[in-house]
C-alpha cells in the first residue's frame, strides 16, 4: 500500500492529512468548510483514494489559510506515498462533464511543479467557500506534490457544477497517473529519475 501522512501545525492551522493511493475511496474529511469537504470527498471517491483530512483553522478570518494549507499537506502526502515513483504511468488526463459544465485536468508527476489553471468566472461564494480558493488549493497541491498540473473549465454556467467537475477530474487524472504499469522498468523518464 502506498500511504502518505503529514501533520503540520502553524499559528493559522493544525492539519493531519493521510492518503492511500491504493484505497477504495473511503474517507474522513473535516475542514470546517462544508463545500470544501464535499470537494475533497469527490476527489477521493473519483480517484479511489482513501483520504483522511482533519483541519482546525482560523476560519474566523476566512477559509484561505485552511484551504491553502490543506493543499500543501495533501500534496506532500501524495509525494510521500509515491516514494521513488517506480513503475507509475506518470501522466494522467481526464475530461469530466457535470451537467452543463465540462472540465479538463492533465498532469505529469514530473518532480517539476507547475500550475496552469483557467477556471473562468465563478459566483464569489458557494456556501461558505470562497471560489478564489480553487486556484489557491490547486497551486499548493501541485507545487508540494511536485506535479505539473493543467486544469481548465471549458464551459459551464453553474458555479457549483464547474468547481465540482474540476475536483472530480483531478481525482480521475491522478488515479491514472499513479497506476502501476508492469512494462515500466524503473521510472518513465529518459533521465532515469523523476
Protein backbone atom coordinates (compact mmCIF):
# COMPACT_ATOMS: atom_id res chain seq x y z
CA UNK A 1 0.00 0.00 0.00
CA UNK A 2 1.24 3.47 -0.94
CA UNK A 3 0.32 5.67 2.01
CA UNK A 4 1.49 9.20 2.79
CA UNK A 5 0.85 11.05 6.06
CA UNK A 6 1.53 14.63 7.05
CA UNK A 7 0.99 16.54 10.27
CA UNK A 8 1.51 20.28 10.10
CA UNK A 9 0.83 22.98 12.66
CA UNK A 10 1.21 26.74 12.25
CA UNK A 11 -0.28 29.71 14.05
CA UNK A 12 -3.10 29.61 11.46
CA UNK A 13 -3.88 25.90 11.01
CA UNK A 14 -3.41 22.46 12.51
CA UNK A 15 -3.73 19.72 9.90
CA UNK A 16 -3.47 15.95 9.69
CA UNK A 17 -3.64 14.50 6.18
CA UNK A 18 -3.30 10.89 5.06
CA UNK A 19 -3.82 9.40 1.62
CA UNK A 20 -3.76 5.78 0.49
CA UNK A 21 -3.28 5.78 -3.28
CA UNK A 22 -4.33 2.11 -3.40
CA UNK A 23 -7.51 2.55 -1.39
CA UNK A 24 -11.12 2.40 -2.47
CA UNK A 25 -12.48 5.89 -1.90
CA UNK A 26 -13.14 5.71 1.85
CA UNK A 27 -12.63 8.99 3.61
CA UNK A 28 -12.99 11.08 6.73
CA UNK A 29 -12.81 14.78 5.93
CA UNK A 30 -13.21 17.64 8.39
CA UNK A 31 -12.04 21.01 7.08
CA UNK A 32 -14.62 23.25 8.73
CA UNK A 33 -15.80 24.38 5.27
CA UNK A 34 -18.78 22.34 4.12
CA UNK A 35 -18.41 22.81 0.38
CA UNK A 36 -14.68 22.05 0.53
CA UNK A 37 -15.39 18.85 2.48
CA UNK A 38 -17.65 17.94 -0.44
CA UNK A 39 -14.87 18.65 -2.97
CA UNK A 40 -12.31 16.58 -1.06
CA UNK A 41 -14.85 13.75 -0.82
CA UNK A 42 -15.38 13.87 -4.59
CA UNK A 43 -11.62 13.91 -5.24
CA UNK A 44 -11.16 10.82 -3.03
CA UNK A 45 -14.12 8.84 -4.36
CA UNK A 46 -13.37 9.54 -8.03
CA UNK A 47 -9.66 8.89 -7.55
CA UNK A 48 -10.42 5.80 -5.47
CA UNK A 49 -8.10 7.09 -2.75
CA UNK A 50 -8.63 6.56 0.96
CA UNK A 51 -8.34 10.06 2.38
CA UNK A 52 -8.27 11.49 5.89
CA UNK A 53 -8.14 15.22 6.47
CA UNK A 54 -8.59 16.87 9.84
CA UNK A 55 -8.09 20.63 9.84
CA UNK A 56 -8.57 23.19 12.57
CA UNK A 57 -8.05 26.60 11.03
CA UNK A 58 -8.62 30.28 11.67
CA UNK A 59 -11.99 30.32 9.92
CA UNK A 60 -12.90 33.43 11.89
CA UNK A 61 -10.53 35.17 9.44
CA UNK A 62 -11.69 33.27 6.34
CA UNK A 63 -11.03 29.95 4.61
CA UNK A 64 -7.82 30.93 2.81
CA UNK A 65 -5.28 29.57 5.29
CA UNK A 66 -7.16 26.31 5.79
CA UNK A 67 -7.63 25.54 2.11
CA UNK A 68 -4.11 26.54 1.06
CA UNK A 69 -2.55 24.58 3.93
CA UNK A 70 -4.68 21.52 3.14
CA UNK A 71 -3.35 21.76 -0.43
CA UNK A 72 0.20 21.85 0.95
CA UNK A 73 -0.39 18.85 3.21
CA UNK A 74 -2.25 16.79 0.61
CA UNK A 75 0.49 17.50 -1.95
CA UNK A 76 3.20 16.40 0.48
CA UNK A 77 1.22 13.29 1.43
CA UNK A 78 0.86 12.29 -2.25
CA UNK A 79 4.58 12.90 -2.81
CA UNK A 80 5.45 10.73 0.19
CA UNK A 81 3.05 7.98 -0.86
CA UNK A 82 4.64 7.82 -4.33
CA UNK A 83 8.14 7.30 -2.95
CA UNK A 84 10.61 6.78 -5.83
CA UNK A 85 7.76 6.74 -8.42
CA UNK A 86 8.98 3.45 -9.92
CA UNK A 87 6.55 1.84 -12.33
CA UNK A 88 3.89 4.58 -12.34
CA UNK A 89 2.32 5.75 -15.58
CA UNK A 90 3.32 9.32 -14.61
CA UNK A 91 0.80 11.11 -16.87
CA UNK A 92 -2.94 11.41 -16.40
CA UNK A 93 -5.57 13.30 -18.37
CA UNK A 94 -9.31 13.36 -17.86
CA UNK A 95 -12.30 15.28 -19.21
CA UNK A 96 -15.29 15.36 -16.89
CA UNK A 97 -18.82 16.51 -17.69
CA UNK A 98 -21.01 17.77 -14.86
CA UNK A 99 -24.43 18.64 -16.24
CA UNK A 100 -23.87 21.77 -18.38
CA UNK A 101 -20.19 22.09 -17.37
CA UNK A 102 -17.09 20.43 -18.80
CA UNK A 103 -13.73 20.35 -17.01
CA UNK A 104 -10.33 19.07 -18.06
CA UNK A 105 -7.29 18.14 -15.96
CA UNK A 106 -3.97 16.91 -17.33
CA UNK A 107 -0.99 16.25 -15.08
CA UNK A 108 2.55 14.95 -15.04
CA UNK A 109 4.14 13.58 -11.89
CA UNK A 110 7.42 15.04 -13.05
CA UNK A 111 9.04 16.41 -9.91
CA UNK A 112 8.87 19.81 -11.64
CA UNK A 113 5.89 21.63 -10.12
CA UNK A 114 3.92 23.97 -12.32
CA UNK A 115 0.30 25.08 -12.49
CA UNK A 116 -1.76 26.41 -15.36
CA UNK A 117 -5.40 26.88 -14.39
CA UNK A 118 -8.28 28.54 -16.18
CA UNK A 119 -11.46 28.29 -14.16
CA UNK A 120 -13.29 31.11 -15.84
CA UNK A 121 -15.73 33.09 -13.73
CA UNK A 122 -17.44 31.78 -10.62
CA UNK A 123 -20.00 33.18 -8.24
CA UNK A 124 -17.96 34.76 -5.41
CA UNK A 125 -19.14 32.21 -2.82
CA UNK A 126 -20.57 28.69 -2.86
CA UNK A 127 -21.97 28.19 0.62
CA UNK A 128 -19.14 29.27 2.93
CA UNK A 129 -16.49 28.56 0.28
CA UNK A 130 -14.69 31.46 -1.41
CA UNK A 131 -14.29 30.39 -5.06
CA UNK A 132 -11.00 32.30 -5.41
CA UNK A 133 -9.55 29.50 -3.30
CA UNK A 134 -9.95 26.89 -6.05
CA UNK A 135 -6.75 28.19 -7.65
CA UNK A 136 -5.01 28.53 -4.26
CA UNK A 137 -5.70 24.87 -3.47
CA UNK A 138 -4.57 23.63 -6.90
CA UNK A 139 -1.35 25.68 -6.67
CA UNK A 140 -0.48 24.49 -3.16
CA UNK A 141 -1.28 20.89 -4.07
CA UNK A 142 0.67 20.79 -7.34
CA UNK A 143 3.75 22.59 -6.02
CA UNK A 144 4.02 20.41 -2.92
CA UNK A 145 3.32 17.16 -4.75
CA UNK A 146 5.88 18.01 -7.45
CA UNK A 147 3.28 17.80 -10.19
CA UNK A 148 2.91 19.76 -13.42
CA UNK A 149 -0.84 20.36 -13.50
CA UNK A 150 -3.05 21.92 -16.15
CA UNK A 151 -6.71 22.45 -15.29
CA UNK A 152 -9.42 24.14 -17.29
CA UNK A 153 -13.16 24.54 -17.11
CA UNK A 154 -14.04 24.60 -20.77
CA UNK A 155 -17.56 25.88 -20.19
CA UNK A 156 -20.46 25.89 -17.77
CA UNK A 157 -22.94 28.18 -16.06
CA UNK A 158 -23.47 26.84 -12.55
CA UNK A 159 -20.50 27.57 -10.26
CA UNK A 160 -21.15 24.51 -8.08
CA UNK A 161 -21.09 22.26 -11.17
CA UNK A 162 -17.93 23.86 -12.55
CA UNK A 163 -15.95 23.53 -9.32
CA UNK A 164 -17.25 20.00 -8.74
CA UNK A 165 -16.23 18.97 -12.24
CA UNK A 166 -12.65 20.18 -11.85
CA UNK A 167 -12.16 18.40 -8.50
CA UNK A 168 -13.61 15.15 -9.87
CA UNK A 169 -11.37 15.47 -12.94
CA UNK A 170 -8.34 15.93 -10.65
CA UNK A 171 -9.19 12.69 -8.87
CA UNK A 172 -9.54 10.76 -12.12
CA UNK A 173 -6.37 12.21 -13.69
CA UNK A 174 -4.28 11.48 -10.60
CA UNK A 175 -5.69 7.94 -10.42
CA UNK A 176 -4.49 7.31 -13.99
CA UNK A 177 -1.05 8.82 -13.35
CA UNK A 178 -0.29 6.83 -10.18
CA UNK A 179 -1.30 3.47 -11.67
CA UNK A 180 1.43 0.87 -11.91
CA UNK A 181 2.36 -0.44 -15.34
CA UNK A 182 4.32 -3.71 -15.36
CA UNK A 183 6.01 -2.70 -18.61
CA UNK A 184 7.66 0.31 -16.97
CA UNK A 185 11.02 -0.66 -15.55
CA UNK A 186 12.18 1.98 -13.09
CA UNK A 187 10.68 5.38 -13.84
CA UNK A 188 9.13 6.62 -17.07
CA UNK A 189 11.90 9.08 -17.93
CA UNK A 190 14.91 9.07 -20.24
CA UNK A 191 16.81 10.78 -17.39
CA UNK A 192 16.22 7.80 -15.14
CA UNK A 193 14.72 9.92 -12.38
CA UNK A 194 11.60 11.92 -11.67
